[in-house]
Structures are given as structure tokens and as C-alpha cells.
């Protein structure tokens, strides 16, 4: 036990009770306790790794994790259809994935991967252009016309509309004046405005709620983000986007840049938004929305960690790694707990990390951790040494969360 206590302190009865109480979520939401009961005495990454102790658990390491493999497979599939000029089939595939909210083990939505792949040719032409003259983006304008033509042949297809609008927005961003030499600013600005107006004209006829389309919600958000005066509409557009796909962590990450700006959001606004994020996932993912909301903010907004309730965050991350989660999601949640436990020294986070590692983690995907593999394996050993009685005696009485060490 000494090694475990050196890093995290002992597992406390209060923390165990808090974790078990998290199975009854409603009472825990209202209990915003902000006390730090112990501090980390040494960084995790600085831990000296010794010989694995006899009888303690070691986990397999998988370098080609399924999240990467699945993402690559979706990209290759869409790229193949693009080469065959099968844009109708691309639209059908994206619509089906969006309807099912199909995702990789790590939570990346197939429809997001597919749209990024579909627009990658246009983005490549923009990235390769020297931007010494407006005509340097002529090839990109031609590529854009293909998306517009495809949409005009299927004017009721919301995916083709989405791709055409996103293409206009992509090219509009490329014409933002600060990307160009000063003598070209006026013409670049006119081109940018033209593309944003064209994108808006398409999007105005496609309501995300009517089509139950998070892709359309994203496009409306992107359009407002780049439009004069559009910032005032972003909170409502973000809420609509989240409501259409509340479990998608990429949405919270996308909006975090605006949330990080104190000119737009006060500390109280952040707390209110955190409550709303929690409410959106409570019926399906417990308190997971609380973690998805706060994690992207910690490195972007000064003081965000002080706003987050560590006990609530610990429970939210455990909800992210529940029995329905993939191992990619468990790895991400465990790493987030390790990072936040080290950053704050809060025992609720560190104890929950031990619980998660011992009961939920079956394989290590190194790509998803900020710790070294040796440090992760030491953490696995410490968890196995610290809480065997909890795993074998307490958790089995509460349901199916526990697995034998």
C-alpha cells in the first residue's frame, strides 16, 4: 500500500460512499462540494517504475487501437467513392451514419469523418495555394462548383446541401483578409463575403431540427462563427447542436474556444452551461455531460479548474467509462482522471481513477494517454493492490460494475 499512498493517498470510506452514491445520480448532482482532502506528493510521470509485484495485475498494450483503424477505414471508403465520383452514394452513406449516430470506439462520429474526407480535396487545394494572387484559388473555386452542382441536382438532399454549404464556408475562410498580402485585402474580403452569403442562402432552407441533423447544426454554427455579428447567435446554435447529439465530445471541444473567452461567458455563465450539459446526458449517460463540458476548458480558460466540482467531475468521468463504454472511451476517461488528479491533488479524482482502472480498464491504448506506458502499468498495479476488498466485497453488491481483479 505504501507505493499507492505515495501517489494518491489512501482510499477513504467517504470516497467509496460517494462513488457508490453516484449510482443514484440525482442526489449527487445537487451536492456541489468543493473540498480538497489531500494533495499529490509526487507527479505521476516522475514515479520510479520497478519490477512488477508478484500477483498484481498487468494489462495488455494495444498500439493499433480500433479507434484509429475504424477512422482510417471510413476515410478510405469515402475516398474510394470520391474517386469513382459516386457522390449520391456518399450522401446516402453519410445520411445513414448520421441517422444512427454511428461512431468509432472513441466516440468520433462516422458522419463527421466522412464529411471531413469529402471536403479534403478542396482543403488540399487551399492548403497548397501560395496566395500571392487571388487567382491562386481558382482551382479551389472549380472544386467548389462540383459540390454546388451536385446539390442543385438533388435540392432536397440535406447532406448534399450540407456539403455545398461547408464547401462555401471552407473557401470563405480561405479568403479571410489576414491570409493575404495587404494590397489584396479588399478583394479577398469581397470573396469571403460572397461565399458566406452563398452558404447562408443554402442553410436558410435546411433546418437542423426538421432534418434531425447534427451536421446541419454544425454548419449553421460555423456560418455564424465566421459572419459579422454572428457571435451573438452561437450560444443558441451550440445548444441546438448539442441537443441533436449530446454524447458527441467533439461538439463540446469545438465550442470551448468561445466558452474560454470571459468577454462572452462569465464564471457564473460557465457554471450554468455546465448544469445544462449535465442535464442533457443525465437520462442516457448519467453525469457524463459535466465531464465533456469541462475537460476542453481546463487548458483554455483561466480558472476553469476552480469552477469545476472535483467530486462531480470524478463521478462524471466514471459515467463516461461505464459498462457500455468502449475501451477507447475508458482509456480516455482514465487518462483525464490521472491528469486532473495530478493537477488538483483531489482524492475523489485519484480514488475514482483507481476504481476505474481496476473495474473498467482491460487494455491500454498508449495513444490516448499523456503518461508513459510504464507509468500506466504502475497505476494498474497500484489499483490492484489498493482496492481488492472494494472490488470483491463491495461493488458486486451494487450491480454489474465490478469485475474480478
Foldseek 3Di string as FASTA:
>chain_A
DVVLCQFFRADDPVLLVLLLCVVVPPVVVVDQDADFDFFHPDALQPDDFDDFDPPFDFFAADACDQQNVVLVVLLVVLVVCVVVVVVVVLLVVLLVQQVVQDHTLQQHGSNVSNLCSVCVVLVVQLVPFPQADPCSCVVSVVVLVVLVVVCVVVVVRVSSLLSSLVSLLSVLVSLCQVNHPPVCSVVSPVSSVVSLVVSCVSLVVPDCVVSLGLSSLVSLLSSLVPDVVSVVCNVVSLVVSCLSPVVRLVSLLVCLLVVQDCVRAPLVNLVVVLVVSQVSCCVPQNRLSNLSNQPSNPVRHPCSLVSDRVLSNLSNLCSQQFPVRRLSSLQLSLQSLSVSCNVPVGNSSVLSSLVSLQQRHRYHHPVNHPHDSSSVRVSSRSSRVRDQCCQPPPVVVSDDRHDHD
